Amino acid sequence: MSDQNKIVRFAPSPTGHLHIGGSRTALFNYLFAKKEEGKFVLRIEDTDKERSTDEMTKEIIEGLDWLGLKSDDIPWMQSKYIDTHVELANKLLSENKAYRCFCSQEETEARRVKDGKVQFFMYDRYCLKLSPKEIEERLKNNDPFVLRFKIPEGETKFKDRIHKEIKSNNREIDDFVLLRSDGTPTYQLSVVSDDVSMNITDVIRGDDHISNTFKQILLFLALGKKPPRFSHLPLIMGADKKKLSKRHGETSILEFRKNGYLPEALVTYLSHLSWSPNDHKKIYSLKELINDFNFSAISKNSPIFDYDKLNFLNSKAIKEKDPVKIIEILFNDSEFKAKYESRGSEKLLSLIELVKPRMKKVHDFIHQFDIYLSEELIYDDAEFKKLNTESGNMINLIEGLRAGFETITDFTEENLEKLLRGYAEKKGIKAGEIIHPLRFALTNTTVSPSIFEILIFLGKEKVLARISGFVDFLK
């Protein structure tokens, strides 16, 4: 760790959801800060008052909290510091590092057209040539103006932790606006002002911000401040190699929660995007990720978001999850809780243990509860056809097996298996030929845990009742 305490910020705008790309950025900021024994701070960039909403701010915080990425300070609300941003802009104006621009949008648009064609256009510094007298006159007339930053001559370069050295000739950087005509600060000014006020040492964000970084470095230097160290993460792509968006699936982190993903699975998978913990098949805690994290191992190549890999990790996380915690998650649904809470925690926990090896998402349990805890099954014709067995012969087989189950007084797995296999042998068939229809009779599905585990879980009375219901269905 360096002598200076590291302070990083995750700075979303509350104009949209917290999505996968933003969450990966937040995670890498968090891991870096904790590895360096520094601070991770959430900054809400809410200066766009028309599009920013309190609802989105709450959703962003809720999503980060769900992932375990809690800010070390109360969230920094950018809109509270607008006066500081404006003060810095006026300081630059007084030092001749910024200038008033009275050109209207129509005027600048007109200068973009040459020979009837729209050309690439950087502001031509028309208003930089105005004399003090002309400026004074226009101010007296209350002509609207923006405040532009005066790009100095030379070259701007920085050492990016991921992309190494990046540089730009300053002639390629526009004299960007600091204050709009209504006096409100722009993104570039607000970001730099806040980074200075918050003592940010390191900025970790997506590489779509690289062009902004040149402008922001020039602002830091103009203010006499040392720029933070920059790192730009490659953008995440969908399976079609295009930038990840809502067409690829869930649009917000809370949608992943709603759709049955566990936070530890999502955090583990996010860590795989551009960096890789030691074991690709392990579910990592944040503490373990912090311990393994190595910023120098981050790749500059764009990762592909792979739902198959995420689903594999989620399934693994479910297998490792304490059944009590799974019940708590399921009971967040008040309707589900009202339906099954009275069944008793022991029964519910044993059901979780029974079915969780096959679960890919938390909400897959809901269907399983309906199967194993309902009083009566309604059989599915389409699912039944998968058995591919003559129903007439099946009735005789299943009724004979039911008669055998009735004779068992000690309903144990050992006794049940002995009876079933003996029954199959007596009938001259493979055990599977009776197990498959029995599984369907008990669960209305052709895929399930061990048939003997199911028999024990349901108990003798329910097993006999379900077989009788199945026979009625066949007839």
Protein backbone atom coordinates (compact mmCIF):
# COMPACT_ATOMS: atom_id res chain seq x y z
CA MET A 1 0.00 0.00 0.00
CA SER A 2 1.22 3.53 -0.78
CA ASP A 3 1.72 6.24 1.84
CA GLN A 4 -1.48 7.96 0.71
CA ASN A 5 -4.74 6.35 1.79
CA LYS A 6 -6.65 5.24 -1.29
CA ILE A 7 -10.11 6.74 -1.82
CA VAL A 8 -12.25 5.60 -4.75
CA ARG A 9 -15.76 6.53 -5.77
CA PHE A 10 -18.48 4.77 -7.71
CA ALA A 11 -20.45 7.56 -9.36
CA PRO A 12 -23.69 6.49 -11.06
CA SER A 13 -26.32 8.90 -12.32
CA PRO A 14 -29.85 8.28 -10.98
CA THR A 15 -31.30 8.67 -14.46
CA GLY A 16 -31.39 4.90 -15.05
CA HIS A 17 -31.04 1.49 -13.43
CA LEU A 18 -27.93 0.03 -11.85
CA HIS A 19 -26.99 -2.46 -14.55
CA ILE A 20 -24.34 -5.16 -15.00
CA GLY A 21 -21.63 -2.83 -16.33
CA GLY A 22 -22.07 -0.38 -13.47
CA SER A 23 -22.15 -3.19 -10.91
CA ARG A 24 -18.89 -4.65 -12.24
CA THR A 25 -17.33 -1.17 -12.00
CA ALA A 26 -18.60 -0.79 -8.42
CA LEU A 27 -17.23 -4.23 -7.51
CA PHE A 28 -13.75 -3.52 -8.87
CA ASN A 29 -13.68 -0.15 -7.08
CA TYR A 30 -14.70 -1.90 -3.87
CA LEU A 31 -12.15 -4.72 -4.21
CA PHE A 32 -9.36 -2.27 -5.02
CA ALA A 33 -10.20 0.00 -2.07
CA LYS A 34 -10.41 -2.86 0.43
CA LYS A 35 -7.24 -4.51 -0.88
CA GLU A 36 -5.45 -1.20 -0.36
CA GLU A 37 -7.12 -0.67 3.04
CA GLY A 38 -8.71 2.46 1.62
CA LYS A 39 -12.25 3.85 1.28
CA PHE A 40 -15.05 3.06 -1.16
CA VAL A 41 -17.54 5.92 -1.50
CA LEU A 42 -20.81 6.10 -3.42
CA ARG A 43 -21.37 9.39 -5.26
CA ILE A 44 -24.78 10.01 -6.78
CA GLU A 45 -24.35 12.35 -9.78
CA ASP A 46 -27.82 13.87 -9.67
CA THR A 47 -27.26 17.28 -11.24
CA ASP A 48 -29.51 16.43 -14.22
CA LYS A 49 -32.66 17.47 -12.39
CA GLU A 50 -35.01 16.74 -15.28
CA ARG A 51 -34.02 13.06 -15.53
CA SER A 52 -32.72 12.20 -12.03
CA THR A 53 -35.21 10.61 -9.63
CA ASP A 54 -35.19 9.72 -5.94
CA GLU A 55 -36.61 6.32 -6.92
CA MET A 56 -33.55 5.52 -9.03
CA THR A 57 -31.23 6.70 -6.25
CA LYS A 58 -32.92 4.32 -3.83
CA GLU A 59 -32.75 1.49 -6.36
CA ILE A 60 -29.00 2.03 -6.92
CA ILE A 61 -28.31 1.97 -3.18
CA GLU A 62 -30.54 -1.08 -2.68
CA GLY A 63 -28.79 -2.91 -5.52
CA LEU A 64 -25.30 -2.17 -4.16
CA ASP A 65 -26.37 -3.19 -0.65
CA TRP A 66 -27.77 -6.47 -2.02
CA LEU A 67 -24.39 -7.19 -3.64
CA GLY A 68 -22.64 -6.31 -0.37
CA LEU A 69 -20.92 -3.21 -1.80
CA LYS A 70 -21.68 -0.73 0.96
CA SER A 71 -20.26 2.77 0.86
CA ASP A 72 -17.84 3.66 3.66
CA ASP A 73 -19.46 7.10 3.96
CA ILE A 74 -22.98 8.35 3.49
CA PRO A 75 -23.64 8.78 -0.25
CA TRP A 76 -22.21 12.00 -1.69
CA MET A 77 -25.06 13.81 -3.44
CA GLN A 78 -23.51 15.87 -6.21
CA SER A 79 -26.39 18.35 -6.40
CA LYS A 80 -25.53 19.64 -2.92
CA TYR A 81 -22.20 20.99 -4.16
CA ILE A 82 -23.26 22.96 -7.24
CA ASP A 83 -22.13 26.24 -5.64
CA THR A 84 -18.61 24.81 -5.27
CA HIS A 85 -18.63 23.72 -8.93
CA VAL A 86 -19.67 27.21 -10.07
CA GLU A 87 -17.07 28.82 -7.83
CA LEU A 88 -14.30 26.77 -9.47
CA ALA A 89 -15.53 27.73 -12.94
CA ASN A 90 -15.45 31.43 -12.04
CA LYS A 91 -11.97 30.96 -10.61
CA LEU A 92 -10.82 29.60 -13.98
CA LEU A 93 -12.48 32.56 -15.70
CA SER A 94 -10.67 35.05 -13.46
CA GLU A 95 -7.37 33.31 -14.24
CA ASN A 96 -7.98 33.51 -18.00
CA LYS A 97 -8.25 29.69 -18.21
CA ALA A 98 -11.89 29.92 -19.29
CA TYR A 99 -13.89 32.41 -21.37
CA ARG A 100 -17.44 33.47 -22.06
CA CYS A 101 -18.95 32.20 -25.30
CA PHE A 102 -21.99 34.08 -26.61
CA CYS A 103 -22.47 31.94 -29.72
CA SER A 104 -25.93 30.44 -29.95
CA GLN A 105 -26.44 26.82 -30.86
CA GLU A 106 -27.86 27.94 -34.20
CA GLU A 107 -24.71 29.94 -34.92
CA THR A 108 -22.34 27.09 -34.14
CA GLU A 109 -24.51 24.65 -36.12
CA ALA A 110 -24.38 26.99 -39.13
CA ARG A 111 -20.58 27.04 -38.98
CA ARG A 112 -20.54 23.23 -39.16
CA VAL A 113 -21.96 23.32 -42.69
CA LYS A 114 -19.56 23.70 -45.58
CA ASP A 115 -20.59 23.40 -49.24
CA GLY A 116 -23.98 22.20 -48.07
CA LYS A 117 -22.51 19.32 -46.02
CA VAL A 118 -22.25 18.96 -42.25
CA GLN A 119 -18.58 18.76 -41.26
CA PHE A 120 -16.82 17.56 -38.11
CA PHE A 121 -16.67 20.71 -36.01
CA MET A 122 -14.73 21.76 -32.94
CA TYR A 123 -15.59 25.13 -31.48
CA ASP A 124 -13.60 27.70 -33.49
CA ARG A 125 -12.91 30.04 -30.54
CA TYR A 126 -14.87 32.81 -32.16
CA CYS A 127 -15.67 34.39 -28.79
CA LEU A 128 -12.12 34.09 -27.54
CA LYS A 129 -11.33 36.82 -30.05
CA LEU A 130 -13.85 39.27 -28.58
CA SER A 131 -12.35 42.41 -27.07
CA PRO A 132 -13.03 43.31 -23.41
CA LYS A 133 -15.25 46.14 -24.68
CA GLU A 134 -17.33 43.76 -26.84
CA ILE A 135 -17.72 41.37 -23.91
CA GLU A 136 -18.81 44.22 -21.63
CA GLU A 137 -21.40 45.37 -24.16
CA ARG A 138 -22.86 41.92 -24.56
CA LEU A 139 -23.05 41.49 -20.80
CA LYS A 140 -24.88 44.82 -20.53
CA ASN A 141 -27.36 43.57 -23.12
CA ASN A 142 -27.89 40.43 -21.02
CA ASP A 143 -26.86 38.27 -23.99
CA PRO A 144 -26.83 34.62 -22.87
CA PHE A 145 -23.46 32.89 -22.74
CA VAL A 146 -21.79 29.65 -21.70
CA LEU A 147 -18.42 29.39 -19.99
CA ARG A 148 -15.87 27.42 -21.99
CA PHE A 149 -12.59 25.94 -20.78
CA LYS A 150 -9.61 27.15 -22.80
CA ILE A 151 -7.64 24.07 -23.85
CA PRO A 152 -3.92 24.80 -23.51
CA GLU A 153 -1.42 23.93 -26.21
CA GLY A 154 0.60 20.75 -26.06
CA GLU A 155 -0.15 17.11 -25.34
CA THR A 156 -2.07 15.39 -22.56
CA LYS A 157 -1.11 11.89 -21.47
CA PHE A 158 -1.66 9.60 -18.54
CA LYS A 159 -0.65 6.13 -17.41
CA ASP A 160 -3.72 3.97 -17.25
CA ARG A 161 -3.46 0.92 -15.00
CA ILE A 162 -5.11 -1.27 -17.65
CA HIS A 163 -4.35 0.35 -21.03
CA LYS A 164 -0.85 1.63 -20.08
CA GLU A 165 0.09 5.06 -21.50
CA ILE A 166 -2.62 6.94 -23.38
CA LYS A 167 -2.08 10.35 -24.96
CA SER A 168 -3.82 12.96 -27.06
CA ASN A 169 -2.72 16.09 -28.86
CA ASN A 170 -4.59 18.97 -27.22
CA ARG A 171 -5.53 20.30 -30.67
CA GLU A 172 -7.95 17.35 -30.85
CA ILE A 173 -9.77 18.40 -27.65
CA ASP A 174 -12.66 20.86 -27.93
CA ASP A 175 -12.97 23.94 -25.69
CA PHE A 176 -15.70 22.21 -23.72
CA VAL A 177 -18.41 23.99 -21.74
CA LEU A 178 -18.03 24.38 -17.96
CA LEU A 179 -21.21 26.36 -17.22
CA ARG A 180 -24.35 26.29 -19.34
CA SER A 181 -26.19 29.48 -20.29
CA ASP A 182 -28.46 29.06 -17.22
CA GLY A 183 -25.38 28.99 -14.97
CA THR A 184 -25.53 25.27 -14.14
CA PRO A 185 -22.30 23.23 -14.22
CA THR A 186 -21.67 20.50 -16.80
CA TYR A 187 -20.60 16.92 -16.14
CA GLN A 188 -16.87 17.56 -16.69
CA LEU A 189 -16.73 20.41 -14.18
CA SER A 190 -18.87 18.69 -11.53
CA VAL A 191 -16.84 15.48 -11.69
CA VAL A 192 -13.50 17.21 -11.23
CA SER A 193 -14.82 19.54 -8.52
CA ASP A 194 -16.20 16.61 -6.54
CA ASP A 195 -13.08 14.49 -7.03
CA VAL A 196 -11.05 17.36 -5.57
CA SER A 197 -13.44 17.89 -2.65
CA MET A 198 -13.57 14.14 -1.89
CA ASN A 199 -9.78 13.69 -2.15
CA ILE A 200 -10.25 10.91 -4.71
CA THR A 201 -6.93 9.17 -5.36
CA ASP A 202 -8.00 6.62 -7.97
CA VAL A 203 -10.72 6.63 -10.61
CA ILE A 204 -11.85 3.22 -11.90
CA ARG A 205 -14.55 3.32 -14.59
CA GLY A 206 -15.50 2.07 -18.06
CA ASP A 207 -13.24 2.77 -21.01
CA ASP A 208 -16.03 4.72 -22.71
CA HIS A 209 -14.81 7.53 -20.40
CA ILE A 210 -11.28 7.73 -21.85
CA SER A 211 -12.11 10.82 -23.96
CA ASN A 212 -13.47 12.50 -20.81
CA THR A 213 -10.29 11.72 -18.93
CA PHE A 214 -8.16 14.02 -21.11
CA LYS A 215 -10.53 16.92 -20.42
CA GLN A 216 -10.66 16.18 -16.72
CA ILE A 217 -6.88 15.94 -16.37
CA LEU A 218 -6.56 19.36 -17.99
CA LEU A 219 -9.10 20.72 -15.51
CA PHE A 220 -7.23 19.24 -12.53
CA LEU A 221 -4.00 20.81 -13.76
CA ALA A 222 -5.67 24.17 -14.41
CA LEU A 223 -6.93 24.13 -10.81
CA GLY A 224 -3.44 23.33 -9.55
CA LYS A 225 -4.51 19.87 -8.35
CA LYS A 226 -2.86 16.51 -8.88
CA PRO A 227 -5.08 14.26 -11.03
CA PRO A 228 -6.08 10.89 -9.57
CA ARG A 229 -4.70 7.67 -11.03
CA PHE A 230 -7.01 6.46 -13.81
CA SER A 231 -8.04 2.92 -14.76
CA HIS A 232 -10.50 2.19 -17.55
CA LEU A 233 -12.29 -1.16 -17.58
CA PRO A 234 -13.23 -2.71 -20.94
CA LEU A 235 -16.92 -2.67 -21.79
CA ILE A 236 -18.94 -5.87 -21.30
CA MET A 237 -20.39 -7.40 -24.47
CA GLY A 238 -23.36 -9.64 -25.12
CA ALA A 239 -23.11 -13.00 -26.86
CA ASP A 240 -23.53 -11.14 -30.20
CA LYS A 241 -20.29 -9.18 -29.45
CA LYS A 242 -22.28 -5.94 -29.12
CA LYS A 243 -22.32 -3.74 -26.03
CA LEU A 244 -24.42 -5.34 -23.30
CA SER A 245 -27.92 -3.84 -23.19
CA LYS A 246 -31.51 -4.69 -22.27
CA ARG A 247 -31.91 -6.79 -25.41
CA HIS A 248 -29.52 -9.32 -23.85
CA GLY A 249 -31.63 -9.96 -20.74
CA GLU A 250 -32.10 -8.40 -17.32
CA THR A 251 -31.67 -4.62 -17.38
CA SER A 252 -31.02 -3.97 -13.68
CA ILE A 253 -29.30 -5.69 -10.79
CA LEU A 254 -32.55 -5.88 -8.82
CA GLU A 255 -34.06 -7.77 -11.77
CA PHE A 256 -31.45 -10.48 -11.18
CA ARG A 257 -32.57 -10.66 -7.56
CA LYS A 258 -36.22 -10.79 -8.61
CA ASN A 259 -35.45 -13.59 -11.08
CA GLY A 260 -33.87 -15.86 -8.48
CA TYR A 261 -30.15 -15.14 -8.55
CA LEU A 262 -28.11 -15.11 -5.34
CA PRO A 263 -25.84 -12.10 -4.72
CA GLU A 264 -22.77 -14.27 -4.04
CA ALA A 265 -23.21 -15.98 -7.44
CA LEU A 266 -23.59 -12.65 -9.26
CA VAL A 267 -20.64 -11.06 -7.45
CA THR A 268 -18.48 -14.10 -8.20
CA TYR A 269 -19.45 -13.98 -11.87
CA LEU A 270 -18.88 -10.21 -12.11
CA SER A 271 -15.36 -10.81 -10.81
CA HIS A 272 -14.77 -13.09 -13.83
CA LEU A 273 -15.45 -10.23 -16.26
CA SER A 274 -11.97 -8.91 -17.18
CA TRP A 275 -10.32 -10.44 -14.11
CA SER A 276 -10.25 -13.99 -12.88
CA PRO A 277 -10.11 -15.34 -9.33
CA ASN A 278 -8.04 -18.48 -8.87
CA ASP A 279 -10.89 -21.02 -9.09
CA HIS A 280 -13.47 -20.51 -11.86
CA LYS A 281 -15.94 -22.94 -10.29
CA LYS A 282 -15.82 -21.63 -6.74
CA ILE A 283 -18.37 -19.32 -5.13
CA TYR A 284 -16.35 -16.53 -3.52
CA SER A 285 -17.21 -14.35 -0.58
CA LEU A 286 -16.26 -10.68 -0.88
CA LYS A 287 -13.56 -11.26 1.73
CA GLU A 288 -12.02 -14.01 -0.42
CA LEU A 289 -12.21 -11.86 -3.55
CA ILE A 290 -10.47 -8.99 -1.76
CA ASN A 291 -7.72 -11.34 -0.68
CA ASP A 292 -7.20 -12.66 -4.26
CA PHE A 293 -7.73 -9.36 -6.10
CA ASN A 294 -4.88 -8.28 -8.37
CA PHE A 295 -5.48 -5.13 -10.40
CA SER A 296 -2.49 -5.77 -12.65
CA ALA A 297 -4.17 -9.00 -13.85
CA ILE A 298 -7.20 -7.18 -15.33
CA SER A 299 -7.43 -7.72 -19.09
CA LYS A 300 -8.09 -4.83 -21.48
CA ASN A 301 -10.14 -7.13 -23.75
CA SER A 302 -13.93 -6.85 -23.60
CA PRO A 303 -15.49 -9.81 -21.75
CA ILE A 304 -18.62 -11.61 -22.99
CA PHE A 305 -21.53 -11.88 -20.57
CA ASP A 306 -22.41 -15.59 -20.53
CA TYR A 307 -25.71 -16.58 -18.89
CA ASP A 308 -24.73 -20.26 -18.92
CA LYS A 309 -21.73 -19.53 -16.72
CA LEU A 310 -23.78 -17.33 -14.41
CA ASN A 311 -26.48 -20.00 -14.13
CA PHE A 312 -23.85 -22.64 -13.33
CA LEU A 313 -22.49 -20.48 -10.51
CA ASN A 314 -25.97 -19.67 -9.25
CA SER A 315 -26.87 -23.36 -9.13
CA LYS A 316 -23.66 -24.03 -7.20
CA ALA A 317 -24.38 -21.17 -4.80
CA ILE A 318 -27.85 -22.61 -4.13
CA LYS A 319 -26.35 -26.03 -3.35
CA GLU A 320 -24.03 -24.39 -0.82
CA LYS A 321 -26.66 -22.07 0.67
CA ASP A 322 -27.96 -22.68 4.19
CA PRO A 323 -31.59 -23.85 3.77
CA VAL A 324 -32.63 -21.40 6.50
CA LYS A 325 -31.33 -18.53 4.32
CA ILE A 326 -33.19 -19.88 1.30
CA ILE A 327 -36.43 -19.97 3.29
CA GLU A 328 -35.83 -16.36 4.37
CA ILE A 329 -35.44 -15.30 0.73
CA LEU A 330 -38.58 -17.17 -0.33
CA PHE A 331 -40.57 -15.70 2.56
CA ASN A 332 -39.86 -12.19 1.24
CA ASP A 333 -42.85 -13.02 -0.96
CA SER A 334 -45.74 -12.44 1.47
CA GLU A 335 -48.17 -14.59 -0.56
CA PHE A 336 -45.75 -17.53 -0.58
CA LYS A 337 -45.06 -17.08 3.14
CA ALA A 338 -48.78 -17.08 4.00
CA LYS A 339 -49.25 -20.27 1.97
CA TYR A 340 -46.47 -22.36 3.47
CA GLU A 341 -45.29 -20.89 6.78
CA SER A 342 -47.74 -23.05 8.75
CA ARG A 343 -46.17 -26.27 7.42
CA GLY A 344 -43.39 -26.00 10.00
CA SER A 345 -39.74 -25.12 9.55
CA GLU A 346 -38.49 -28.71 9.87
CA LYS A 347 -40.65 -29.87 6.94
CA LEU A 348 -39.70 -26.89 4.81
CA LEU A 349 -35.99 -27.23 5.51
CA SER A 350 -36.02 -30.92 4.68
CA LEU A 351 -37.78 -30.13 1.38
CA ILE A 352 -35.12 -27.52 0.55
CA GLU A 353 -32.40 -30.13 1.15
CA LEU A 354 -34.28 -32.66 -0.97
CA VAL A 355 -34.64 -30.54 -4.10
CA LYS A 356 -31.85 -27.94 -4.03
CA PRO A 357 -29.27 -30.06 -5.95
CA ARG A 358 -31.42 -29.55 -9.08
CA MET A 359 -32.30 -25.89 -8.58
CA LYS A 360 -30.76 -23.23 -10.86
CA LYS A 361 -32.58 -20.22 -9.43
CA VAL A 362 -34.07 -19.51 -6.02
CA HIS A 363 -37.58 -19.17 -7.40
CA ASP A 364 -37.39 -22.68 -8.84
CA PHE A 365 -38.16 -23.74 -5.26
CA ILE A 366 -41.63 -22.24 -5.46
CA HIS A 367 -42.75 -24.81 -8.04
CA GLN A 368 -41.16 -27.56 -5.95
CA PHE A 369 -43.08 -26.49 -2.86
CA ASP A 370 -46.27 -26.68 -4.88
CA ILE A 371 -45.37 -30.22 -6.01
CA TYR A 372 -44.36 -31.69 -2.66
CA LEU A 373 -46.64 -29.84 -0.25
CA SER A 374 -49.92 -29.61 -2.15
CA GLU A 375 -52.75 -31.90 -1.08
CA GLU A 376 -53.58 -32.98 -4.61
CA LEU A 377 -51.65 -33.09 -7.88
CA ILE A 378 -53.20 -32.09 -11.18
CA TYR A 379 -51.39 -34.18 -13.76
CA ASP A 380 -49.99 -32.71 -16.93
CA ASP A 381 -50.82 -34.62 -20.16
CA ALA A 382 -47.79 -33.28 -22.05
CA GLU A 383 -45.41 -34.28 -19.25
CA PHE A 384 -47.12 -37.69 -18.98
CA LYS A 385 -46.45 -38.46 -22.64
CA LYS A 386 -42.71 -38.38 -21.89
CA LEU A 387 -43.14 -41.66 -19.99
CA ASN A 388 -43.80 -43.45 -23.29
CA THR A 389 -45.52 -46.38 -21.52
CA GLU A 390 -48.82 -48.15 -22.16
CA SER A 391 -51.27 -46.80 -19.58
CA GLY A 392 -53.21 -50.07 -19.27
CA ASN A 393 -50.19 -52.05 -18.13
CA MET A 394 -49.10 -49.09 -16.00
CA ILE A 395 -52.35 -49.18 -14.02
CA ASN A 396 -51.81 -52.82 -13.07
CA LEU A 397 -48.17 -52.20 -12.16
CA ILE A 398 -48.81 -49.12 -10.07
CA GLU A 399 -51.84 -50.58 -8.27
CA GLY A 400 -49.83 -53.67 -7.37
CA LEU A 401 -47.03 -51.51 -6.02
CA ARG A 402 -49.51 -49.47 -3.97
CA ALA A 403 -50.81 -52.66 -2.38
CA GLY A 404 -47.24 -53.54 -1.44
CA PHE A 405 -46.62 -50.09 0.13
CA GLU A 406 -49.78 -50.54 2.24
CA THR A 407 -48.22 -53.59 3.92
CA ILE A 408 -45.09 -51.74 5.08
CA THR A 409 -45.40 -50.66 8.70
CA ASP A 410 -41.87 -49.22 8.97
CA PHE A 411 -41.73 -46.74 6.07
CA THR A 412 -37.93 -46.53 5.70
CA GLU A 413 -35.78 -46.09 2.62
CA GLU A 414 -34.27 -49.55 3.08
CA ASN A 415 -37.68 -51.29 3.33
CA LEU A 416 -39.12 -49.33 0.41
CA GLU A 417 -36.21 -50.10 -1.90
CA LYS A 418 -36.31 -53.78 -0.96
CA LEU A 419 -40.05 -53.97 -1.71
CA LEU A 420 -39.86 -52.04 -4.99
CA ARG A 421 -36.94 -53.95 -6.44
CA GLY A 422 -38.44 -57.26 -5.32
CA TYR A 423 -41.74 -56.29 -6.93
CA ALA A 424 -40.00 -55.44 -10.23
CA GLU A 425 -38.13 -58.75 -10.19
CA LYS A 426 -41.37 -60.64 -9.53
CA LYS A 427 -43.00 -58.90 -12.51
CA GLY A 428 -39.99 -59.66 -14.69
CA ILE A 429 -39.22 -56.00 -15.43
CA LYS A 430 -36.35 -53.61 -14.74
CA ALA A 431 -36.78 -51.46 -11.63
CA GLY A 432 -36.80 -48.35 -13.85
CA GLU A 433 -39.99 -49.47 -15.55
CA ILE A 434 -41.87 -49.06 -12.28
CA ILE A 435 -39.77 -46.21 -10.84
CA HIS A 436 -40.55 -43.84 -13.76
CA PRO A 437 -44.35 -44.03 -13.52
CA LEU A 438 -44.11 -43.95 -9.72
CA ARG A 439 -42.04 -40.74 -9.93
CA PHE A 440 -44.69 -39.18 -12.17
CA ALA A 441 -47.47 -40.34 -9.85
CA LEU A 442 -45.77 -38.66 -6.89
CA THR A 443 -44.41 -35.47 -8.52
CA ASN A 444 -46.19 -34.89 -11.88
CA THR A 445 -42.77 -34.79 -13.53
CA THR A 446 -40.29 -37.18 -15.12
CA VAL A 447 -37.26 -35.61 -13.42
CA SER A 448 -36.79 -35.50 -9.66
CA PRO A 449 -34.52 -36.42 -6.75
CA SER A 450 -34.11 -40.08 -5.75
CA ILE A 451 -37.48 -41.85 -5.75
CA PHE A 452 -36.75 -43.29 -2.29
CA GLU A 453 -36.00 -39.86 -0.84
CA ILE A 454 -39.31 -38.66 -2.28
CA LEU A 455 -41.19 -41.58 -0.71
CA ILE A 456 -39.70 -40.82 2.70
CA PHE A 457 -40.39 -37.09 2.43
CA LEU A 458 -44.03 -37.52 1.41
CA GLY A 459 -44.75 -40.26 3.93
CA LYS A 460 -46.92 -43.34 3.61
CA GLU A 461 -50.33 -41.67 3.75
CA LYS A 462 -49.55 -39.09 1.04
CA VAL A 463 -47.79 -41.67 -1.16
CA LEU A 464 -50.85 -43.95 -1.13
CA ALA A 465 -53.18 -41.01 -1.82
CA ARG A 466 -51.10 -39.78 -4.75
CA ILE A 467 -50.86 -43.22 -6.32
CA SER A 468 -54.65 -43.52 -6.07
CA GLY A 469 -55.02 -40.09 -7.71
CA PHE A 470 -52.66 -41.15 -10.49
CA VAL A 471 -54.66 -44.34 -11.14
CA ASP A 472 -57.80 -42.21 -11.42
CA PHE A 473 -55.95 -39.99 -13.93
CA LEU A 474 -54.95 -43.06 -15.99
CA LYS A 475 -58.47 -44.47 -15.99
